[in-house]
Amino acid sequence: MDDSNKPVVNGPPGGIVKTIVASILATSLATGCTSILYPETPGDIPAHTRLALSPNGKRLLVHWRENSGKLQTRLWDLDGEKIKSISFPPLPEDTYTAAFAKDNNHVLVTTWNTKSSSLLKLDVDSNDVEKIYESQKIMRLPLEVTEQNYVFLETYDEKNQFSRWHRLDHGKKSVLNNQGYNMIAPLNVLGESLFLIEPDNKFRVIDGSLPAGLNTLVDESTFYIVCADKAPLTCLKSRLYFDHEGLSYSRLEIINGKQRCSIDGKWVDSRERMISRDGSTVVFHAAIKKHGGERAIYIAHNKASGCTAESVDIKGIR
């Protein structure tokens, strides 16, 4: 690979950041989408790696903890299939969850230090940090609906096992929905409507109304659906299957209104499946060959007009 394809690395030295070493190209045919997988090379990301995708799909925050407990963070600026630059935003060591805000320059972070939790807003360009709220309970999965209007999941019991969705609107906090959860259930936002899919494959409206046609996307193989903040309805759908040995794998599909495009592959232990707020980009990570094996991060670019996706396998983030 020549120097023109190498990413710009901004921040502390140490470690080699490999560039793109494999890709999946999916092209639109009359009958749908097909994919070609280029030769694989080993990945080196842990299974608990967390991802956060910017609203425009052009920035990817990647963070994970080493066995020592030290937090590692990378921010990739993407240019199509290439990593344009790499930086090291200073997420706090007690970071619990992170997600991009409504713009592409800020990340919402929740922390937990066993005594208190903070909701922070980090400018990933200037590294300025604003504390938005502090709680004695665990906060997670922050989402900025509109400017200064945030929602997040917060525990309410003594053992921090059950959570409810809360809204923080210009500093005023309220319970958004009284339903308690003992599992993490990420929210979808479409306009100002908030909804999620529950374990029984039914959508629950947390605020506003359920988008028309959403329930028709669910069938018996549906495992997960996450949607973009745009119309027509644009979603990433995961279907769960089992092979003859009883091992699970998933198939991923991008839905653009009435048009569907399959991201070809039997994805083993896929995690952190998400679609950008504008619907342009899908990202996830998965085992390359087998359960418990080496993993890689995949990015798919959604081109609704032709139902075309170009996916890249990015490795070497250590």
C-alpha atoms as a PDB file:
ATOM      1  CA  MET A   1       0.000   0.000   0.000  1.00  0.00           C
ATOM      2  CA  ASP A   2       1.496   3.392  -0.962  1.00  0.00           C
ATOM      3  CA  ASP A   3       1.821   6.343   1.397  1.00  0.00           C
ATOM      4  CA  SER A   4      -1.241   8.070  -0.057  1.00  0.00           C
ATOM      5  CA  ASN A   5      -3.445   5.382   1.449  1.00  0.00           C
ATOM      6  CA  LYS A   6      -1.984   5.587   4.939  1.00  0.00           C
ATOM      7  CA  PRO A   7      -4.052   7.298   7.632  1.00  0.00           C
ATOM      8  CA  VAL A   8      -2.762  10.366   9.440  1.00  0.00           C
ATOM      9  CA  VAL A   9      -2.135   9.498  13.084  1.00  0.00           C
ATOM     10  CA  ASN A  10      -2.747  12.326  15.548  1.00  0.00           C
ATOM     11  CA  GLY A  11      -1.845  11.841  19.184  1.00  0.00           C
ATOM     12  CA  PRO A  12       0.583   9.838  21.282  1.00  0.00           C
ATOM     13  CA  PRO A  13       2.958   7.455  19.512  1.00  0.00           C
ATOM     14  CA  GLY A  14       3.117   3.775  20.296  1.00  0.00           C
ATOM     15  CA  GLY A  15       1.859   0.710  18.477  1.00  0.00           C
ATOM     16  CA  ILE A  16       1.284   0.229  14.789  1.00  0.00           C
ATOM     17  CA  VAL A  17      -2.072   1.152  13.322  1.00  0.00           C
ATOM     18  CA  LYS A  18      -2.649  -1.023  10.293  1.00  0.00           C
ATOM     19  CA  THR A  19      -4.778   0.219   7.442  1.00  0.00           C
ATOM     20  CA  ILE A  20      -7.536  -1.551   5.590  1.00  0.00           C
ATOM     21  CA  VAL A  21      -6.462  -5.057   4.690  1.00  0.00           C
ATOM     22  CA  ALA A  22      -9.625  -6.667   3.396  1.00  0.00           C
ATOM     23  CA  SER A  23     -12.929  -5.573   1.987  1.00  0.00           C
ATOM     24  CA  ILE A  24     -16.347  -6.762   1.018  1.00  0.00           C
ATOM     25  CA  LEU A  25     -17.886  -5.219  -2.045  1.00  0.00           C
ATOM     26  CA  ALA A  26     -21.623  -5.556  -2.456  1.00  0.00           C
ATOM     27  CA  THR A  27     -23.177  -4.523  -5.764  1.00  0.00           C
ATOM     28  CA  SER A  28     -26.772  -4.164  -6.805  1.00  0.00           C
ATOM     29  CA  LEU A  29     -28.193  -6.687  -9.236  1.00  0.00           C
ATOM     30  CA  ALA A  30     -31.706  -6.985 -10.591  1.00  0.00           C
ATOM     31  CA  THR A  31     -32.504  -9.602  -7.973  1.00  0.00           C
ATOM     32  CA  GLY A  32     -30.826  -7.828  -5.052  1.00  0.00           C
ATOM     33  CA  CYS A  33     -27.295  -7.541  -3.654  1.00  0.00           C
ATOM     34  CA  THR A  34     -24.390  -9.927  -3.768  1.00  0.00           C
ATOM     35  CA  SER A  35     -21.022  -9.670  -2.032  1.00  0.00           C
ATOM     36  CA  ILE A  36     -17.431 -10.703  -2.660  1.00  0.00           C
ATOM     37  CA  LEU A  37     -15.186 -11.324   0.331  1.00  0.00           C
ATOM     38  CA  TYR A  38     -11.515 -10.602  -0.245  1.00  0.00           C
ATOM     39  CA  PRO A  39      -8.841 -12.695   1.548  1.00  0.00           C
ATOM     40  CA  GLU A  40      -8.986 -12.386   5.303  1.00  0.00           C
ATOM     41  CA  THR A  41      -6.174 -11.559   7.675  1.00  0.00           C
ATOM     42  CA  PRO A  42      -6.302 -11.861  11.472  1.00  0.00           C
ATOM     43  CA  GLY A  43      -7.977  -9.161  13.521  1.00  0.00           C
ATOM     44  CA  ASP A  44      -6.857  -8.043  16.942  1.00  0.00           C
ATOM     45  CA  ILE A  45      -9.818  -6.441  18.717  1.00  0.00           C
ATOM     46  CA  PRO A  46     -11.387  -7.878  21.881  1.00  0.00           C
ATOM     47  CA  ALA A  47     -15.002  -9.048  21.823  1.00  0.00           C
ATOM     48  CA  HIS A  48     -16.012  -6.344  24.335  1.00  0.00           C
ATOM     49  CA  THR A  49     -14.895  -3.517  22.003  1.00  0.00           C
ATOM     50  CA  ARG A  50     -17.461  -0.701  21.943  1.00  0.00           C
ATOM     51  CA  LEU A  51     -18.264   1.444  18.906  1.00  0.00           C
ATOM     52  CA  ALA A  52     -19.880   4.843  18.408  1.00  0.00           C
ATOM     53  CA  LEU A  53     -20.760   6.099  14.918  1.00  0.00           C
ATOM     54  CA  SER A  54     -21.180   9.778  14.058  1.00  0.00           C
ATOM     55  CA  PRO A  55     -24.532  10.990  12.659  1.00  0.00           C
ATOM     56  CA  ASN A  56     -23.030  11.411   9.167  1.00  0.00           C
ATOM     57  CA  GLY A  57     -21.266   8.014   9.304  1.00  0.00           C
ATOM     58  CA  LYS A  58     -17.828   9.540   8.687  1.00  0.00           C
ATOM     59  CA  ARG A  59     -16.344   9.225  12.187  1.00  0.00           C
ATOM     60  CA  LEU A  60     -16.022   6.063  14.252  1.00  0.00           C
ATOM     61  CA  LEU A  61     -15.105   6.043  17.930  1.00  0.00           C
ATOM     62  CA  VAL A  62     -13.624   2.727  19.071  1.00  0.00           C
ATOM     63  CA  HIS A  63     -12.861   1.970  22.714  1.00  0.00           C
ATOM     64  CA  TRP A  64     -12.030  -1.098  24.765  1.00  0.00           C
ATOM     65  CA  ARG A  65     -10.317  -2.103  27.990  1.00  0.00           C
ATOM     66  CA  GLU A  66      -7.080  -4.011  28.108  1.00  0.00           C
ATOM     67  CA  ASN A  67      -6.748  -6.945  30.511  1.00  0.00           C
ATOM     68  CA  SER A  68      -5.053  -4.528  32.900  1.00  0.00           C
ATOM     69  CA  GLY A  69      -8.225  -2.426  32.967  1.00  0.00           C
ATOM     70  CA  LYS A  70      -6.673   0.481  31.050  1.00  0.00           C
ATOM     71  CA  LEU A  71      -9.050   2.162  28.626  1.00  0.00           C
ATOM     72  CA  GLN A  72      -7.938   2.419  24.992  1.00  0.00           C
ATOM     73  CA  THR A  73      -9.628   4.876  22.636  1.00  0.00           C
ATOM     74  CA  ARG A  74      -9.323   5.623  18.916  1.00  0.00           C
ATOM     75  CA  LEU A  75     -11.269   8.023  16.715  1.00  0.00           C
ATOM     76  CA  TRP A  76     -11.186   7.249  13.004  1.00  0.00           C
ATOM     77  CA  ASP A  77     -12.098   9.881  10.439  1.00  0.00           C
ATOM     78  CA  LEU A  78     -13.268   7.974   7.388  1.00  0.00           C
ATOM     79  CA  ASP A  79     -13.141   8.839   3.715  1.00  0.00           C
ATOM     80  CA  GLY A  80     -15.165   6.170   1.952  1.00  0.00           C
ATOM     81  CA  GLU A  81     -13.214   2.971   2.390  1.00  0.00           C
ATOM     82  CA  LYS A  82     -10.115   4.663   3.803  1.00  0.00           C
ATOM     83  CA  ILE A  83      -9.127   5.866   7.258  1.00  0.00           C
ATOM     84  CA  LYS A  84      -8.306   9.529   6.666  1.00  0.00           C
ATOM     85  CA  SER A  85      -6.916  10.189  10.139  1.00  0.00           C
ATOM     86  CA  ILE A  86      -6.663   8.670  13.607  1.00  0.00           C
ATOM     87  CA  SER A  87      -6.798  10.584  16.892  1.00  0.00           C
ATOM     88  CA  PHE A  88      -6.926   9.701  20.576  1.00  0.00           C
ATOM     89  CA  PRO A  89      -9.786  11.561  22.325  1.00  0.00           C
ATOM     90  CA  PRO A  90      -9.348  11.591  26.129  1.00  0.00           C
ATOM     91  CA  LEU A  91     -12.277   9.521  27.345  1.00  0.00           C
ATOM     92  CA  PRO A  92     -12.245   9.308  31.171  1.00  0.00           C
ATOM     93  CA  GLU A  93     -10.790   6.114  32.635  1.00  0.00           C
ATOM     94  CA  ASP A  94     -14.161   5.376  34.283  1.00  0.00           C
ATOM     95  CA  THR A  95     -16.064   5.602  30.980  1.00  0.00           C
ATOM     96  CA  TYR A  96     -19.124   3.338  31.025  1.00  0.00           C
ATOM     97  CA  THR A  97     -20.829   4.041  27.688  1.00  0.00           C
ATOM     98  CA  ALA A  98     -20.296   6.517  24.859  1.00  0.00           C
ATOM     99  CA  ALA A  99     -22.269   7.694  21.820  1.00  0.00           C
ATOM    100  CA  PHE A 100     -22.087  10.569  19.393  1.00  0.00           C
ATOM    101  CA  ALA A 101     -24.281  13.576  20.110  1.00  0.00           C
ATOM    102  CA  LYS A 102     -26.615  15.024  17.475  1.00  0.00           C
ATOM    103  CA  ASP A 103     -23.631  16.607  15.700  1.00  0.00           C
ATOM    104  CA  ASN A 104     -20.437  15.001  14.404  1.00  0.00           C
ATOM    105  CA  ASN A 105     -18.016  16.792  16.734  1.00  0.00           C
ATOM    106  CA  HIS A 106     -19.261  15.800  20.186  1.00  0.00           C
ATOM    107  CA  VAL A 107     -19.464  12.506  22.036  1.00  0.00           C
ATOM    108  CA  LEU A 108     -21.756  11.860  25.000  1.00  0.00           C
ATOM    109  CA  VAL A 109     -20.057   9.823  27.723  1.00  0.00           C
ATOM    110  CA  THR A 110     -21.447   8.243  30.875  1.00  0.00           C
ATOM    111  CA  THR A 111     -19.041   7.318  33.652  1.00  0.00           C
ATOM    112  CA  TRP A 112     -19.254   5.132  36.751  1.00  0.00           C
ATOM    113  CA  ASN A 113     -16.768   5.042  39.631  1.00  0.00           C
ATOM    114  CA  THR A 114     -18.816   2.741  41.978  1.00  0.00           C
ATOM    115  CA  LYS A 115     -20.168   5.803  43.806  1.00  0.00           C
ATOM    116  CA  SER A 116     -21.462   8.203  41.171  1.00  0.00           C
ATOM    117  CA  SER A 117     -22.139   8.499  37.465  1.00  0.00           C
ATOM    118  CA  SER A 118     -21.652  11.538  35.225  1.00  0.00           C
ATOM    119  CA  LEU A 119     -23.065  12.480  31.843  1.00  0.00           C
ATOM    120  CA  LEU A 120     -20.385  14.356  29.915  1.00  0.00           C
ATOM    121  CA  LYS A 121     -20.168  16.018  26.502  1.00  0.00           C
ATOM    122  CA  LEU A 122     -16.726  15.771  24.901  1.00  0.00           C
ATOM    123  CA  ASP A 123     -15.645  17.865  21.931  1.00  0.00           C
ATOM    124  CA  VAL A 124     -13.488  15.360  20.024  1.00  0.00           C
ATOM    125  CA  ASP A 125     -11.735  18.134  18.095  1.00  0.00           C
ATOM    126  CA  SER A 126     -10.772  20.444  20.972  1.00  0.00           C
ATOM    127  CA  ASN A 127     -10.966  17.812  23.777  1.00  0.00           C
ATOM    128  CA  ASP A 128     -13.079  20.248  25.850  1.00  0.00           C
ATOM    129  CA  VAL A 129     -15.383  18.477  28.299  1.00  0.00           C
ATOM    130  CA  GLU A 130     -18.732  19.715  29.657  1.00  0.00           C
ATOM    131  CA  LYS A 131     -20.430  18.007  32.601  1.00  0.00           C
ATOM    132  CA  ILE A 132     -24.150  17.846  31.874  1.00  0.00           C
ATOM    133  CA  TYR A 133     -25.480  15.856  34.831  1.00  0.00           C
ATOM    134  CA  GLU A 134     -24.349  13.788  37.812  1.00  0.00           C
ATOM    135  CA  SER A 135     -26.198  10.922  39.530  1.00  0.00           C
ATOM    136  CA  GLN A 136     -25.647   8.470  42.360  1.00  0.00           C
ATOM    137  CA  LYS A 137     -27.031   5.759  40.076  1.00  0.00           C
ATOM    138  CA  ILE A 138     -25.547   4.238  36.921  1.00  0.00           C
ATOM    139  CA  MET A 139     -26.355   6.072  33.699  1.00  0.00           C
ATOM    140  CA  ARG A 140     -25.797   4.523  30.279  1.00  0.00           C
ATOM    141  CA  LEU A 141     -26.778   4.722  26.594  1.00  0.00           C
ATOM    142  CA  PRO A 142     -27.007   8.532  26.304  1.00  0.00           C
ATOM    143  CA  LEU A 143     -28.798  10.032  23.313  1.00  0.00           C
ATOM    144  CA  GLU A 144     -29.224  13.662  22.266  1.00  0.00           C
ATOM    145  CA  VAL A 145     -32.705  14.057  20.762  1.00  0.00           C
ATOM    146  CA  THR A 146     -32.543  17.802  20.152  1.00  0.00           C
ATOM    147  CA  GLU A 147     -30.175  20.486  21.445  1.00  0.00           C
ATOM    148  CA  GLN A 148     -29.912  20.245  25.262  1.00  0.00           C
ATOM    149  CA  ASN A 149     -32.533  17.495  25.240  1.00  0.00           C
ATOM    150  CA  TYR A 150     -31.000  14.177  26.294  1.00  0.00           C
ATOM    151  CA  VAL A 151     -32.330  10.748  27.201  1.00  0.00           C
ATOM    152  CA  PHE A 152     -30.448   7.997  29.022  1.00  0.00           C
ATOM    153  CA  LEU A 153     -31.014   4.756  30.886  1.00  0.00           C
ATOM    154  CA  GLU A 154     -30.540   5.076  34.663  1.00  0.00           C
ATOM    155  CA  THR A 155     -30.733   2.449  37.412  1.00  0.00           C
ATOM    156  CA  TYR A 156     -33.227   2.955  40.223  1.00  0.00           C
ATOM    157  CA  ASP A 157     -32.820   0.024  42.634  1.00  0.00           C
ATOM    158  CA  GLU A 158     -30.325  -0.474  45.445  1.00  0.00           C
ATOM    159  CA  LYS A 159     -28.241  -3.055  43.566  1.00  0.00           C
ATOM    160  CA  ASN A 160     -28.246  -1.114  40.277  1.00  0.00           C
ATOM    161  CA  GLN A 161     -29.828  -4.025  38.405  1.00  0.00           C
ATOM    162  CA  PHE A 162     -32.938  -2.337  36.966  1.00  0.00           C
ATOM    163  CA  SER A 163     -33.130   0.800  34.849  1.00  0.00           C
ATOM    164  CA  ARG A 164     -35.641   3.288  33.480  1.00  0.00           C
ATOM    165  CA  TRP A 165     -35.393   5.747  30.621  1.00  0.00           C
ATOM    166  CA  HIS A 166     -35.073   9.376  31.718  1.00  0.00           C
ATOM    167  CA  ARG A 167     -35.106  12.711  29.894  1.00  0.00           C
ATOM    168  CA  LEU A 168     -32.910  15.693  30.732  1.00  0.00           C
ATOM    169  CA  ASP A 169     -34.419  18.721  28.991  1.00  0.00           C
ATOM    170  CA  HIS A 170     -32.392  21.937  29.479  1.00  0.00           C
ATOM    171  CA  GLY A 171     -31.245  20.659  32.866  1.00  0.00           C
ATOM    172  CA  LYS A 172     -34.652  19.448  34.065  1.00  0.00           C
ATOM    173  CA  LYS A 173     -34.809  15.691  34.642  1.00  0.00           C
ATOM    174  CA  SER A 174     -37.946  13.542  34.392  1.00  0.00           C
ATOM    175  CA  VAL A 175     -38.855   9.857  34.056  1.00  0.00           C
ATOM    176  CA  LEU A 176     -39.542   9.257  30.379  1.00  0.00           C
ATOM    177  CA  ASN A 177     -41.145   5.850  30.815  1.00  0.00           C
ATOM    178  CA  ASN A 178     -41.965   3.854  33.964  1.00  0.00           C
ATOM    179  CA  GLN A 179     -41.089   0.516  32.367  1.00  0.00           C
ATOM    180  CA  GLY A 180     -38.160  -1.091  34.194  1.00  0.00           C
ATOM    181  CA  TYR A 181     -35.433  -2.999  32.349  1.00  0.00           C
ATOM    182  CA  ASN A 182     -32.908  -5.505  33.640  1.00  0.00           C
ATOM    183  CA  MET A 183     -31.029  -5.516  30.354  1.00  0.00           C
ATOM    184  CA  ILE A 184     -29.592  -2.916  28.015  1.00  0.00           C
ATOM    185  CA  ALA A 185     -32.083  -1.913  25.329  1.00  0.00           C
ATOM    186  CA  PRO A 186     -30.794   0.841  23.005  1.00  0.00           C
ATOM    187  CA  LEU A 187     -33.241   3.482  21.816  1.00  0.00           C
ATOM    188  CA  ASN A 188     -34.079   4.426  18.257  1.00  0.00           C
ATOM    189  CA  VAL A 189     -34.855   8.068  17.472  1.00  0.00           C
ATOM    190  CA  LEU A 190     -36.885   9.253  14.471  1.00  0.00           C
ATOM    191  CA  GLY A 191     -37.633  12.946  14.684  1.00  0.00           C
ATOM    192  CA  GLU A 192     -38.681  13.262  18.322  1.00  0.00           C
ATOM    193  CA  SER A 193     -40.178   9.760  18.543  1.00  0.00           C
ATOM    194  CA  LEU A 194     -38.276   7.256  20.686  1.00  0.00           C
ATOM    195  CA  PHE A 195     -38.808   3.513  20.452  1.00  0.00           C
ATOM    196  CA  LEU A 196     -37.015   0.213  21.012  1.00  0.00           C
ATOM    197  CA  ILE A 197     -37.409  -3.464  20.195  1.00  0.00           C
ATOM    198  CA  GLU A 198     -37.904  -5.762  23.177  1.00  0.00           C
ATOM    199  CA  PRO A 199     -36.904  -9.441  23.636  1.00  0.00           C
ATOM    200  CA  ASP A 200     -40.315 -10.627  22.410  1.00  0.00           C
ATOM    201  CA  ASN A 201     -39.637  -8.875  19.069  1.00  0.00           C
ATOM    202  CA  LYS A 202     -42.239  -6.202  19.698  1.00  0.00           C
ATOM    203  CA  PHE A 203     -41.564  -2.495  19.521  1.00  0.00           C
ATOM    204  CA  ARG A 204     -42.291  -0.320  22.521  1.00  0.00           C
ATOM    205  CA  VAL A 205     -42.854   3.409  22.131  1.00  0.00           C
ATOM    206  CA  ILE A 206     -41.005   5.347  24.805  1.00  0.00           C
ATOM    207  CA  ASP A 207     -42.099   8.748  23.544  1.00  0.00           C
ATOM    208  CA  GLY A 208     -44.049   9.969  20.517  1.00  0.00           C
ATOM    209  CA  SER A 209     -45.488   7.495  18.030  1.00  0.00           C
ATOM    210  CA  LEU A 210     -44.245   4.340  16.345  1.00  0.00           C
ATOM    211  CA  PRO A 211     -43.133   4.955  12.728  1.00  0.00           C
ATOM    212  CA  ALA A 212     -45.540   3.553  10.163  1.00  0.00           C
ATOM    213  CA  GLY A 213     -44.502   0.199   8.731  1.00  0.00           C
ATOM    214  CA  LEU A 214     -42.012  -0.623  11.477  1.00  0.00           C
ATOM    215  CA  ASN A 215     -43.837  -3.688  12.817  1.00  0.00           C
ATOM    216  CA  THR A 216     -44.000  -5.201   9.337  1.00  0.00           C
ATOM    217  CA  LEU A 217     -40.192  -5.571   9.433  1.00  0.00           C
ATOM    218  CA  VAL A 218     -40.370  -8.136  12.228  1.00  0.00           C
ATOM    219  CA  ASP A 219     -40.601 -11.867  11.564  1.00  0.00           C
ATOM    220  CA  GLU A 220     -39.696 -15.043  13.460  1.00  0.00           C
ATOM    221  CA  SER A 221     -35.991 -14.832  12.576  1.00  0.00           C
ATOM    222  CA  THR A 222     -35.628 -11.176  13.608  1.00  0.00           C
ATOM    223  CA  PHE A 223     -33.014 -10.685  16.309  1.00  0.00           C
ATOM    224  CA  TYR A 224     -32.353  -6.959  16.238  1.00  0.00           C
ATOM    225  CA  ILE A 225     -33.515  -3.851  14.397  1.00  0.00           C
ATOM    226  CA  VAL A 226     -32.026  -0.384  14.685  1.00  0.00           C
ATOM    227  CA  CYS A 227     -33.206   2.560  12.585  1.00  0.00           C
ATOM    228  CA  ALA A 228     -31.812   5.835  11.275  1.00  0.00           C
ATOM    229  CA  ASP A 229     -33.334   9.236  11.990  1.00  0.00           C
ATOM    230  CA  LYS A 230     -34.689   9.753   8.482  1.00  0.00           C
ATOM    231  CA  ALA A 231     -37.550   9.055   6.112  1.00  0.00           C
ATOM    232  CA  PRO A 232     -38.371   6.845   4.373  1.00  0.00           C
ATOM    233  CA  LEU A 233     -37.829   4.291   7.125  1.00  0.00           C
ATOM    234  CA  THR A 234     -34.170   3.207   6.957  1.00  0.00           C
ATOM    235  CA  CYS A 235     -33.066   0.400   9.274  1.00  0.00           C
ATOM    236  CA  LEU A 236     -30.454  -2.270   9.877  1.00  0.00           C
ATOM    237  CA  LYS A 237     -31.990  -5.667  10.555  1.00  0.00           C
ATOM    238  CA  SER A 238     -30.233  -8.694  12.013  1.00  0.00           C
ATOM    239  CA  ARG A 239     -31.622 -12.202  11.580  1.00  0.00           C
ATOM    240  CA  LEU A 240     -30.446 -15.008  13.861  1.00  0.00           C
ATOM    241  CA  TYR A 241     -29.903 -18.583  12.655  1.00  0.00           C
ATOM    242  CA  PHE A 242     -28.295 -21.770  13.965  1.00  0.00           C
ATOM    243  CA  ASP A 243     -26.135 -24.235  12.037  1.00  0.00           C
ATOM    244  CA  HIS A 244     -26.232 -28.040  12.282  1.00  0.00           C
ATOM    245  CA  GLU A 245     -23.911 -27.913  15.300  1.00  0.00           C
ATOM    246  CA  GLY A 246     -26.197 -25.529  17.133  1.00  0.00           C
ATOM    247  CA  LEU A 247     -23.847 -22.541  16.744  1.00  0.00           C
ATOM    248  CA  SER A 248     -25.471 -19.215  15.979  1.00  0.00           C
ATOM    249  CA  TYR A 249     -24.751 -16.764  13.190  1.00  0.00           C
ATOM    250  CA  SER A 250     -26.574 -13.742  11.818  1.00  0.00           C
ATOM    251  CA  ARG A 251     -27.422 -12.240   8.474  1.00  0.00           C
ATOM    252  CA  LEU A 252     -27.598  -8.470   8.117  1.00  0.00           C
ATOM    253  CA  GLU A 253     -29.905  -6.476   5.892  1.00  0.00           C
ATOM    254  CA  ILE A 254     -30.279  -2.768   5.176  1.00  0.00           C
ATOM    255  CA  ILE A 255     -33.863  -1.639   4.638  1.00  0.00           C
ATOM    256  CA  ASN A 256     -34.524   1.553   2.634  1.00  0.00           C
ATOM    257  CA  GLY A 257     -38.272   2.050   2.568  1.00  0.00           C
ATOM    258  CA  LYS A 258     -39.525  -0.860   0.438  1.00  0.00           C
ATOM    259  CA  GLN A 259     -36.061  -1.686  -0.863  1.00  0.00           C
ATOM    260  CA  ARG A 260     -33.814  -4.206   0.889  1.00  0.00           C
ATOM    261  CA  CYS A 261     -30.141  -4.962   0.512  1.00  0.00           C
ATOM    262  CA  SER A 262     -28.348  -7.902   2.096  1.00  0.00           C
ATOM    263  CA  ILE A 263     -24.822  -7.445   3.492  1.00  0.00           C
ATOM    264  CA  ASP A 264     -23.699 -10.887   2.397  1.00  0.00           C
ATOM    265  CA  GLY A 265     -22.061 -13.221   4.882  1.00  0.00           C
ATOM    266  CA  LYS A 266     -22.815 -15.480   7.821  1.00  0.00           C
ATOM    267  CA  TRP A 267     -21.725 -13.113  10.573  1.00  0.00           C
ATOM    268  CA  VAL A 268     -20.424 -14.963  13.631  1.00  0.00           C
ATOM    269  CA  ASP A 269     -21.043 -13.308  17.011  1.00  0.00           C
ATOM    270  CA  SER A 270     -21.757  -9.906  15.492  1.00  0.00           C
ATOM    271  CA  ARG A 271     -21.848  -7.093  18.042  1.00  0.00           C
ATOM    272  CA  GLU A 272     -22.288  -3.315  18.223  1.00  0.00           C
ATOM    273  CA  ARG A 273     -24.531  -3.355  15.144  1.00  0.00           C
ATOM    274  CA  MET A 274     -25.563   0.211  14.348  1.00  0.00           C
ATOM    275  CA  ILE A 275     -26.617   2.532  11.557  1.00  0.00           C
ATOM    276  CA  SER A 276     -25.687   6.202  11.373  1.00  0.00           C
ATOM    277  CA  ARG A 277     -28.337   8.756  12.142  1.00  0.00           C
ATOM    278  CA  ASP A 278     -28.487   9.841   8.503  1.00  0.00           C
ATOM    279  CA  GLY A 279     -28.778   6.211   7.325  1.00  0.00           C
ATOM    280  CA  SER A 280     -25.628   6.345   5.193  1.00  0.00           C
ATOM    281  CA  THR A 281     -23.414   3.923   7.105  1.00  0.00           C
ATOM    282  CA  VAL A 282     -23.607   0.640   9.004  1.00  0.00           C
ATOM    283  CA  VAL A 283     -20.927  -0.591  11.378  1.00  0.00           C
ATOM    284  CA  PHE A 284     -20.431  -3.708  13.509  1.00  0.00           C
ATOM    285  CA  HIS A 285     -17.723  -6.106  14.603  1.00  0.00           C
ATOM    286  CA  ALA A 286     -17.736  -9.890  14.362  1.00  0.00           C
ATOM    287  CA  ALA A 287     -15.573 -12.983  14.612  1.00  0.00           C
ATOM    288  CA  ILE A 288     -13.755 -13.546  11.336  1.00  0.00           C
ATOM    289  CA  LYS A 289     -14.077 -17.333  11.170  1.00  0.00           C
ATOM    290  CA  LYS A 290     -15.374 -18.912  14.376  1.00  0.00           C
ATOM    291  CA  HIS A 291     -16.876 -18.224  17.775  1.00  0.00           C
ATOM    292  CA  GLY A 292     -14.170 -17.067  20.161  1.00  0.00           C
ATOM    293  CA  GLY A 293     -11.762 -16.438  17.292  1.00  0.00           C
ATOM    294  CA  GLU A 294     -10.123 -13.277  16.037  1.00  0.00           C
ATOM    295  CA  ARG A 295     -12.425 -10.393  15.244  1.00  0.00           C
ATOM    296  CA  ALA A 296     -12.662  -7.503  12.798  1.00  0.00           C
ATOM    297  CA  ILE A 297     -14.668  -4.305  12.417  1.00  0.00           C
ATOM    298  CA  TYR A 298     -16.836  -3.933   9.311  1.00  0.00           C
ATOM    299  CA  ILE A 299     -18.280  -0.782   7.781  1.00  0.00           C
ATOM    300  CA  ALA A 300     -20.992  -0.814   5.111  1.00  0.00           C
ATOM    301  CA  HIS A 301     -21.941   2.255   3.086  1.00  0.00           C
ATOM    302  CA  ASN A 302     -25.638   2.373   2.297  1.00  0.00           C
ATOM    303  CA  LYS A 303     -26.509   3.731  -1.124  1.00  0.00           C
ATOM    304  CA  ALA A 304     -30.269   3.587  -1.131  1.00  0.00           C
ATOM    305  CA  SER A 305     -30.782   4.516  -4.774  1.00  0.00           C
ATOM    306  CA  GLY A 306     -29.044   1.369  -5.964  1.00  0.00           C
ATOM    307  CA  CYS A 307     -29.167  -0.664  -2.769  1.00  0.00           C
ATOM    308  CA  THR A 308     -25.385  -0.845  -2.948  1.00  0.00           C
ATOM    309  CA  ALA A 309     -23.095  -1.398   0.012  1.00  0.00           C
ATOM    310  CA  GLU A 310     -19.320  -1.237   0.117  1.00  0.00           C
ATOM    311  CA  SER A 311     -17.899  -2.786   3.255  1.00  0.00           C
ATOM    312  CA  VAL A 312     -14.412  -2.562   4.601  1.00  0.00           C
ATOM    313  CA  ASP A 313     -12.718  -4.701   7.212  1.00  0.00           C
ATOM    314  CA  ILE A 314     -10.507  -2.500   9.390  1.00  0.00           C
ATOM    315  CA  LYS A 315      -7.967  -4.072  11.723  1.00  0.00           C
ATOM    316  CA  GLY A 316      -4.932  -3.212  13.773  1.00  0.00           C
ATOM    317  CA  ILE A 317      -6.367  -0.694  16.238  1.00  0.00           C
ATOM    318  CA  ARG A 318      -4.016  -1.582  19.081  1.00  0.00           C
END
